[in-house]
């Protein structure tokens, strides 16, 4: 059988044609896209993380201060109960005023607010109930001035001093709460924080509308004592 194998000069063997090496542009393009996305998204992610943490901190400050407000109001409710217990034994005391105080105290104590849900509607109900209680208590203080026997009762002056201190505490805690609540509301309503607050469920909170204008109408008056 005839040998058909082709031989090259100098005994060399035939070689296959070289393949053209193309640059790997696909990998390079993907890398550039990833880097570009990181440059754009990383600052946004850092901003979102910081803004969310700041909203959480402000929200926690509001809730913590609200607990102090509730504590101050509860102190007043407990102290007024001592007044009621003292007056109940006096048959000649004006019972209608005493009844108003008892009913207003009961109503104010029944309006409870979850610190995590300080929406304006619920907050307004709480403030209205407390203001009505303050109004009834102011009337009680005026009527009590008409009973010298009551004023000479043991512990009366101590109760009055304690009540005045609690009223001052309530005003202070309310003012601090208003400052924190308004600061929180402003922060979550600013752009672009408003978008982020909506996405993560941060809602505006209510605050004491009457703290500046109606304070005289809702604060117990001790000047006639």
C-alpha atoms as a PDB file:
ATOM      1  CA  UNK A   1       0.000   0.000   0.000  1.00  0.00           C
ATOM      2  CA  UNK A   2       1.438   3.337  -1.027  1.00  0.00           C
ATOM      3  CA  UNK A   3       2.372   5.743   1.839  1.00  0.00           C
ATOM      4  CA  UNK A   4       0.519   9.000   1.274  1.00  0.00           C
ATOM      5  CA  UNK A   5       1.824  10.806   4.372  1.00  0.00           C
ATOM      6  CA  UNK A   6       3.212  14.150   3.348  1.00  0.00           C
ATOM      7  CA  UNK A   7       6.558  15.070   4.781  1.00  0.00           C
ATOM      8  CA  UNK A   8       7.925  18.553   5.150  1.00  0.00           C
ATOM      9  CA  UNK A   9      11.426  19.653   4.528  1.00  0.00           C
ATOM     10  CA  UNK A  10      13.910  18.978   7.352  1.00  0.00           C
ATOM     11  CA  UNK A  11      11.678  16.190   8.640  1.00  0.00           C
ATOM     12  CA  UNK A  12       9.064  18.583  10.102  1.00  0.00           C
ATOM     13  CA  UNK A  13       5.461  17.543  10.717  1.00  0.00           C
ATOM     14  CA  UNK A  14       2.466  19.433   9.371  1.00  0.00           C
ATOM     15  CA  UNK A  15       0.967  22.003  11.816  1.00  0.00           C
ATOM     16  CA  UNK A  16      -2.634  23.110  12.162  1.00  0.00           C
ATOM     17  CA  UNK A  17      -3.413  26.804  11.504  1.00  0.00           C
ATOM     18  CA  UNK A  18      -3.241  29.040  14.618  1.00  0.00           C
ATOM     19  CA  UNK A  19      -6.547  30.300  16.077  1.00  0.00           C
ATOM     20  CA  UNK A  20      -6.932  34.030  16.459  1.00  0.00           C
ATOM     21  CA  UNK A  21      -7.025  35.069  20.176  1.00  0.00           C
ATOM     22  CA  UNK A  22      -9.790  37.562  20.797  1.00  0.00           C
ATOM     23  CA  UNK A  23      -9.660  39.918  23.808  1.00  0.00           C
ATOM     24  CA  UNK A  24     -12.129  39.018  26.622  1.00  0.00           C
ATOM     25  CA  UNK A  25     -14.174  42.171  26.429  1.00  0.00           C
ATOM     26  CA  UNK A  26     -17.248  40.522  28.058  1.00  0.00           C
ATOM     27  CA  UNK A  27     -15.625  40.050  31.497  1.00  0.00           C
ATOM     28  CA  UNK A  28     -14.132  43.513  31.444  1.00  0.00           C
ATOM     29  CA  UNK A  29     -17.497  45.052  30.602  1.00  0.00           C
ATOM     30  CA  UNK A  30     -19.232  43.181  33.448  1.00  0.00           C
ATOM     31  CA  UNK A  31     -16.606  44.318  35.911  1.00  0.00           C
ATOM     32  CA  UNK A  32     -17.028  47.934  34.877  1.00  0.00           C
ATOM     33  CA  UNK A  33     -20.805  47.683  35.288  1.00  0.00           C
ATOM     34  CA  UNK A  34     -20.430  46.223  38.801  1.00  0.00           C
ATOM     35  CA  UNK A  35     -18.015  48.960  39.799  1.00  0.00           C
ATOM     36  CA  UNK A  36     -20.336  51.613  38.394  1.00  0.00           C
ATOM     37  CA  UNK A  37     -23.297  50.189  40.322  1.00  0.00           C
ATOM     38  CA  UNK A  38     -21.271  50.126  43.527  1.00  0.00           C
ATOM     39  CA  UNK A  39     -20.242  53.750  43.042  1.00  0.00           C
ATOM     40  CA  UNK A  40     -23.907  54.729  42.642  1.00  0.00           C
ATOM     41  CA  UNK A  41     -25.632  52.389  45.099  1.00  0.00           C
ATOM     42  CA  UNK A  42     -23.131  52.286  47.951  1.00  0.00           C
ATOM     43  CA  UNK A  43     -23.560  55.974  48.944  1.00  0.00           C
ATOM     44  CA  UNK A  44     -27.349  55.569  48.704  1.00  0.00           C
ATOM     45  CA  UNK A  45     -27.212  52.484  50.915  1.00  0.00           C
ATOM     46  CA  UNK A  46     -25.059  54.264  53.491  1.00  0.00           C
ATOM     47  CA  UNK A  47     -27.435  57.233  53.513  1.00  0.00           C
ATOM     48  CA  UNK A  48     -30.459  54.945  53.972  1.00  0.00           C
ATOM     49  CA  UNK A  49     -28.754  53.118  56.828  1.00  0.00           C
ATOM     50  CA  UNK A  50     -27.822  56.344  58.620  1.00  0.00           C
ATOM     51  CA  UNK A  51     -31.203  57.986  58.045  1.00  0.00           C
ATOM     52  CA  UNK A  52     -33.078  54.921  59.262  1.00  0.00           C
ATOM     53  CA  UNK A  53     -30.955  54.740  62.413  1.00  0.00           C
ATOM     54  CA  UNK A  54     -31.558  58.431  63.071  1.00  0.00           C
ATOM     55  CA  UNK A  55     -35.304  57.981  62.675  1.00  0.00           C
ATOM     56  CA  UNK A  56     -35.219  55.044  65.088  1.00  0.00           C
ATOM     57  CA  UNK A  57     -33.294  57.087  67.655  1.00  0.00           C
ATOM     58  CA  UNK A  58     -35.654  60.051  67.392  1.00  0.00           C
ATOM     59  CA  UNK A  59     -38.683  57.775  67.602  1.00  0.00           C
ATOM     60  CA  UNK A  60     -37.277  56.089  70.728  1.00  0.00           C
ATOM     61  CA  UNK A  61     -36.623  59.500  72.296  1.00  0.00           C
ATOM     62  CA  UNK A  62     -40.262  60.462  71.704  1.00  0.00           C
ATOM     63  CA  UNK A  63     -41.542  57.215  73.199  1.00  0.00           C
ATOM     64  CA  UNK A  64     -39.277  57.516  76.246  1.00  0.00           C
ATOM     65  CA  UNK A  65     -40.438  61.083  76.871  1.00  0.00           C
ATOM     66  CA  UNK A  66     -44.061  60.052  76.446  1.00  0.00           C
ATOM     67  CA  UNK A  67     -43.575  57.568  79.286  1.00  0.00           C
ATOM     68  CA  UNK A  68     -42.450  60.473  81.490  1.00  0.00           C
ATOM     69  CA  UNK A  69     -45.540  62.489  80.494  1.00  0.00           C
ATOM     70  CA  UNK A  70     -47.823  59.612  81.410  1.00  0.00           C
ATOM     71  CA  UNK A  71     -46.023  59.159  84.726  1.00  0.00           C
ATOM     72  CA  UNK A  72     -46.523  62.832  85.607  1.00  0.00           C
ATOM     73  CA  UNK A  73     -50.227  62.694  84.780  1.00  0.00           C
ATOM     74  CA  UNK A  74     -50.611  59.490  86.785  1.00  0.00           C
ATOM     75  CA  UNK A  75     -49.000  61.164  89.787  1.00  0.00           C
ATOM     76  CA  UNK A  76     -51.625  63.895  89.582  1.00  0.00           C
ATOM     77  CA  UNK A  77     -54.471  61.391  89.300  1.00  0.00           C
ATOM     78  CA  UNK A  78     -53.210  59.515  92.360  1.00  0.00           C
ATOM     79  CA  UNK A  79     -52.806  62.720  94.361  1.00  0.00           C
ATOM     80  CA  UNK A  80     -56.260  63.998  93.456  1.00  0.00           C
ATOM     81  CA  UNK A  81     -57.677  60.743  94.755  1.00  0.00           C
ATOM     82  CA  UNK A  82     -56.195  61.679  98.130  1.00  0.00           C
ATOM     83  CA  UNK A  83     -58.015  65.027  97.919  1.00  0.00           C
ATOM     84  CA  UNK A  84     -61.256  63.234  97.128  1.00  0.00           C
ATOM     85  CA  UNK A  85     -60.833  60.869 100.065  1.00  0.00           C
ATOM     86  CA  UNK A  86     -60.242  63.841 102.373  1.00  0.00           C
ATOM     87  CA  UNK A  87     -63.281  65.785 101.148  1.00  0.00           C
ATOM     88  CA  UNK A  88     -65.706  62.859 101.077  1.00  0.00           C
ATOM     89  CA  UNK A  89     -65.986  62.955 104.841  1.00  0.00           C
ATOM     90  CA  UNK A  90     -67.339  66.513 104.807  1.00  0.00           C
ATOM     91  CA  UNK A  91     -71.110  66.332 104.397  1.00  0.00           C
ATOM     92  CA  UNK A  92     -71.426  70.076 103.793  1.00  0.00           C
ATOM     93  CA  UNK A  93     -68.962  70.140 100.882  1.00  0.00           C
ATOM     94  CA  UNK A  94     -70.321  70.960  97.422  1.00  0.00           C
ATOM     95  CA  UNK A  95     -70.863  67.469  96.064  1.00  0.00           C
ATOM     96  CA  UNK A  96     -71.530  68.480  92.454  1.00  0.00           C
ATOM     97  CA  UNK A  97     -68.001  69.856  92.041  1.00  0.00           C
ATOM     98  CA  UNK A  98     -66.545  66.787  93.697  1.00  0.00           C
ATOM     99  CA  UNK A  99     -68.541  64.542  91.381  1.00  0.00           C
ATOM    100  CA  UNK A 100     -67.239  66.422  88.338  1.00  0.00           C
ATOM    101  CA  UNK A 101     -63.674  65.898  89.490  1.00  0.00           C
ATOM    102  CA  UNK A 102     -64.240  62.191  90.119  1.00  0.00           C
ATOM    103  CA  UNK A 103     -65.833  61.707  86.691  1.00  0.00           C
ATOM    104  CA  UNK A 104     -63.163  63.748  84.896  1.00  0.00           C
ATOM    105  CA  UNK A 105     -60.407  61.824  86.673  1.00  0.00           C
ATOM    106  CA  UNK A 106     -62.003  58.518  85.692  1.00  0.00           C
ATOM    107  CA  UNK A 107     -62.313  59.614  82.051  1.00  0.00           C
ATOM    108  CA  UNK A 108     -58.735  60.889  81.898  1.00  0.00           C
ATOM    109  CA  UNK A 109     -57.408  57.662  83.406  1.00  0.00           C
ATOM    110  CA  UNK A 110     -59.354  55.559  80.889  1.00  0.00           C
ATOM    111  CA  UNK A 111     -57.719  57.155  77.843  1.00  0.00           C
ATOM    112  CA  UNK A 112     -54.519  55.212  77.330  1.00  0.00           C
ATOM    113  CA  UNK A 113     -52.130  55.603  74.418  1.00  0.00           C
ATOM    114  CA  UNK A 114     -49.687  53.036  73.134  1.00  0.00           C
ATOM    115  CA  UNK A 115     -46.293  54.727  72.921  1.00  0.00           C
ATOM    116  CA  UNK A 116     -45.799  53.124  69.500  1.00  0.00           C
ATOM    117  CA  UNK A 117     -49.018  54.637  68.169  1.00  0.00           C
ATOM    118  CA  UNK A 118     -48.956  58.325  69.039  1.00  0.00           C
ATOM    119  CA  UNK A 119     -51.074  59.361  66.067  1.00  0.00           C
ATOM    120  CA  UNK A 120     -52.705  62.783  66.152  1.00  0.00           C
ATOM    121  CA  UNK A 121     -56.301  61.538  66.492  1.00  0.00           C
ATOM    122  CA  UNK A 122     -55.623  59.326  69.515  1.00  0.00           C
ATOM    123  CA  UNK A 123     -53.361  61.965  71.015  1.00  0.00           C
ATOM    124  CA  UNK A 124     -56.102  64.601  70.717  1.00  0.00           C
ATOM    125  CA  UNK A 125     -58.473  62.379  72.729  1.00  0.00           C
ATOM    126  CA  UNK A 126     -55.886  62.029  75.479  1.00  0.00           C
ATOM    127  CA  UNK A 127     -55.215  65.762  75.600  1.00  0.00           C
ATOM    128  CA  UNK A 128     -58.928  66.614  75.663  1.00  0.00           C
ATOM    129  CA  UNK A 129     -59.569  64.244  78.574  1.00  0.00           C
ATOM    130  CA  UNK A 130     -56.629  65.635  80.546  1.00  0.00           C
ATOM    131  CA  UNK A 131     -57.673  69.222  79.866  1.00  0.00           C
ATOM    132  CA  UNK A 132     -61.193  68.490  81.125  1.00  0.00           C
ATOM    133  CA  UNK A 133     -59.704  66.953  84.248  1.00  0.00           C
ATOM    134  CA  UNK A 134     -57.540  70.052  84.767  1.00  0.00           C
ATOM    135  CA  UNK A 135     -60.580  72.291  84.381  1.00  0.00           C
ATOM    136  CA  UNK A 136     -62.587  70.304  86.942  1.00  0.00           C
ATOM    137  CA  UNK A 137     -59.625  70.324  89.309  1.00  0.00           C
ATOM    138  CA  UNK A 138     -59.301  74.105  89.021  1.00  0.00           C
ATOM    139  CA  UNK A 139     -62.954  74.489  90.021  1.00  0.00           C
ATOM    140  CA  UNK A 140     -62.368  72.177  92.968  1.00  0.00           C
ATOM    141  CA  UNK A 141     -59.465  74.319  94.190  1.00  0.00           C
ATOM    142  CA  UNK A 142     -61.679  77.415  94.096  1.00  0.00           C
ATOM    143  CA  UNK A 143     -64.475  75.708  96.036  1.00  0.00           C
ATOM    144  CA  UNK A 144     -62.043  74.324  98.616  1.00  0.00           C
ATOM    145  CA  UNK A 145     -61.020  77.894  99.464  1.00  0.00           C
ATOM    146  CA  UNK A 146     -64.519  78.436 100.817  1.00  0.00           C
ATOM    147  CA  UNK A 147     -64.079  75.791 103.508  1.00  0.00           C
ATOM    148  CA  UNK A 148     -61.696  76.910 106.290  1.00  0.00           C
ATOM    149  CA  UNK A 149     -62.377  73.655 108.132  1.00  0.00           C
ATOM    150  CA  UNK A 150     -61.014  71.717 105.193  1.00  0.00           C
ATOM    151  CA  UNK A 151     -57.919  73.889 104.984  1.00  0.00           C
ATOM    152  CA  UNK A 152     -57.161  73.134 108.611  1.00  0.00           C
ATOM    153  CA  UNK A 153     -57.338  69.404 107.974  1.00  0.00           C
ATOM    154  CA  UNK A 154     -54.097  67.559 108.649  1.00  0.00           C
ATOM    155  CA  UNK A 155     -52.155  67.065 105.436  1.00  0.00           C
ATOM    156  CA  UNK A 156     -54.116  69.622 103.412  1.00  0.00           C
ATOM    157  CA  UNK A 157     -51.181  71.994 102.947  1.00  0.00           C
ATOM    158  CA  UNK A 158     -48.914  69.087 102.097  1.00  0.00           C
ATOM    159  CA  UNK A 159     -51.332  67.892  99.420  1.00  0.00           C
ATOM    160  CA  UNK A 160     -51.538  71.388  97.936  1.00  0.00           C
ATOM    161  CA  UNK A 161     -47.756  71.684  97.817  1.00  0.00           C
ATOM    162  CA  UNK A 162     -47.447  68.268  96.191  1.00  0.00           C
ATOM    163  CA  UNK A 163     -50.119  69.129  93.623  1.00  0.00           C
ATOM    164  CA  UNK A 164     -48.392  72.370  92.692  1.00  0.00           C
ATOM    165  CA  UNK A 165     -45.124  70.495  92.198  1.00  0.00           C
ATOM    166  CA  UNK A 166     -46.816  67.881  90.015  1.00  0.00           C
ATOM    167  CA  UNK A 167     -48.472  70.548  87.866  1.00  0.00           C
ATOM    168  CA  UNK A 168     -45.052  72.101  87.266  1.00  0.00           C
ATOM    169  CA  UNK A 169     -43.665  68.671  86.420  1.00  0.00           C
ATOM    170  CA  UNK A 170     -46.481  68.051  83.931  1.00  0.00           C
ATOM    171  CA  UNK A 171     -45.783  71.349  82.150  1.00  0.00           C
ATOM    172  CA  UNK A 172     -42.064  70.592  81.972  1.00  0.00           C
ATOM    173  CA  UNK A 173     -42.574  67.066  80.627  1.00  0.00           C
ATOM    174  CA  UNK A 174     -45.145  68.270  78.103  1.00  0.00           C
ATOM    175  CA  UNK A 175     -42.809  70.961  76.794  1.00  0.00           C
ATOM    176  CA  UNK A 176     -39.955  68.493  76.445  1.00  0.00           C
ATOM    177  CA  UNK A 177     -42.235  66.040  74.666  1.00  0.00           C
ATOM    178  CA  UNK A 178     -43.395  68.732  72.253  1.00  0.00           C
ATOM    179  CA  UNK A 179     -39.811  69.625  71.384  1.00  0.00           C
ATOM    180  CA  UNK A 180     -38.874  66.009  70.678  1.00  0.00           C
ATOM    181  CA  UNK A 181     -42.110  65.251  68.795  1.00  0.00           C
ATOM    182  CA  UNK A 182     -41.835  68.297  66.553  1.00  0.00           C
ATOM    183  CA  UNK A 183     -38.169  67.608  65.843  1.00  0.00           C
ATOM    184  CA  UNK A 184     -39.049  64.017  64.885  1.00  0.00           C
ATOM    185  CA  UNK A 185     -41.961  65.127  62.690  1.00  0.00           C
ATOM    186  CA  UNK A 186     -39.831  67.669  60.850  1.00  0.00           C
ATOM    187  CA  UNK A 187     -37.106  65.124  60.210  1.00  0.00           C
ATOM    188  CA  UNK A 188     -39.359  62.442  58.713  1.00  0.00           C
ATOM    189  CA  UNK A 189     -41.266  64.960  56.572  1.00  0.00           C
ATOM    190  CA  UNK A 190     -38.184  66.407  54.894  1.00  0.00           C
ATOM    191  CA  UNK A 191     -37.267  65.261  51.396  1.00  0.00           C
ATOM    192  CA  UNK A 192     -35.915  62.670  50.765  1.00  0.00           C
ATOM    193  CA  UNK A 193     -36.436  61.440  54.352  1.00  0.00           C
ATOM    194  CA  UNK A 194     -40.187  61.460  53.729  1.00  0.00           C
ATOM    195  CA  UNK A 195     -39.828  58.715  51.131  1.00  0.00           C
ATOM    196  CA  UNK A 196     -37.674  56.596  53.418  1.00  0.00           C
ATOM    197  CA  UNK A 197     -39.978  57.134  56.428  1.00  0.00           C
ATOM    198  CA  UNK A 198     -42.958  55.977  54.389  1.00  0.00           C
ATOM    199  CA  UNK A 199     -41.082  52.891  53.219  1.00  0.00           C
ATOM    200  CA  UNK A 200     -40.039  51.861  56.750  1.00  0.00           C
ATOM    201  CA  UNK A 201     -43.296  52.822  58.506  1.00  0.00           C
ATOM    202  CA  UNK A 202     -42.297  55.961  60.419  1.00  0.00           C
ATOM    203  CA  UNK A 203     -45.451  58.046  60.936  1.00  0.00           C
ATOM    204  CA  UNK A 204     -45.787  61.538  62.379  1.00  0.00           C
ATOM    205  CA  UNK A 205     -46.845  61.813  66.024  1.00  0.00           C
ATOM    206  CA  UNK A 206     -49.235  64.134  67.812  1.00  0.00           C
ATOM    207  CA  UNK A 207     -48.212  66.708  70.363  1.00  0.00           C
ATOM    208  CA  UNK A 208     -49.798  69.078  72.874  1.00  0.00           C
ATOM    209  CA  UNK A 209     -51.408  71.827  70.812  1.00  0.00           C
ATOM    210  CA  UNK A 210     -52.533  73.788  73.880  1.00  0.00           C
ATOM    211  CA  UNK A 211     -49.091  73.924  75.522  1.00  0.00           C
ATOM    212  CA  UNK A 212     -48.545  77.556  74.501  1.00  0.00           C
ATOM    213  CA  UNK A 213     -51.960  79.167  74.076  1.00  0.00           C
ATOM    214  CA  UNK A 214     -54.408  77.315  76.292  1.00  0.00           C
ATOM    215  CA  UNK A 215     -52.087  76.592  79.181  1.00  0.00           C
ATOM    216  CA  UNK A 216     -53.894  79.037  81.508  1.00  0.00           C
ATOM    217  CA  UNK A 217     -57.178  77.285  80.896  1.00  0.00           C
ATOM    218  CA  UNK A 218     -55.843  73.796  81.654  1.00  0.00           C
ATOM    219  CA  UNK A 219     -53.464  74.463  84.541  1.00  0.00           C
ATOM    220  CA  UNK A 220     -54.564  74.365  88.154  1.00  0.00           C
ATOM    221  CA  UNK A 221     -54.505  77.882  89.628  1.00  0.00           C
ATOM    222  CA  UNK A 222     -52.905  78.106  93.073  1.00  0.00           C
ATOM    223  CA  UNK A 223     -52.785  81.893  93.251  1.00  0.00           C
ATOM    224  CA  UNK A 224     -55.953  82.094  95.346  1.00  0.00           C
ATOM    225  CA  UNK A 225     -54.705  79.759  98.022  1.00  0.00           C
END
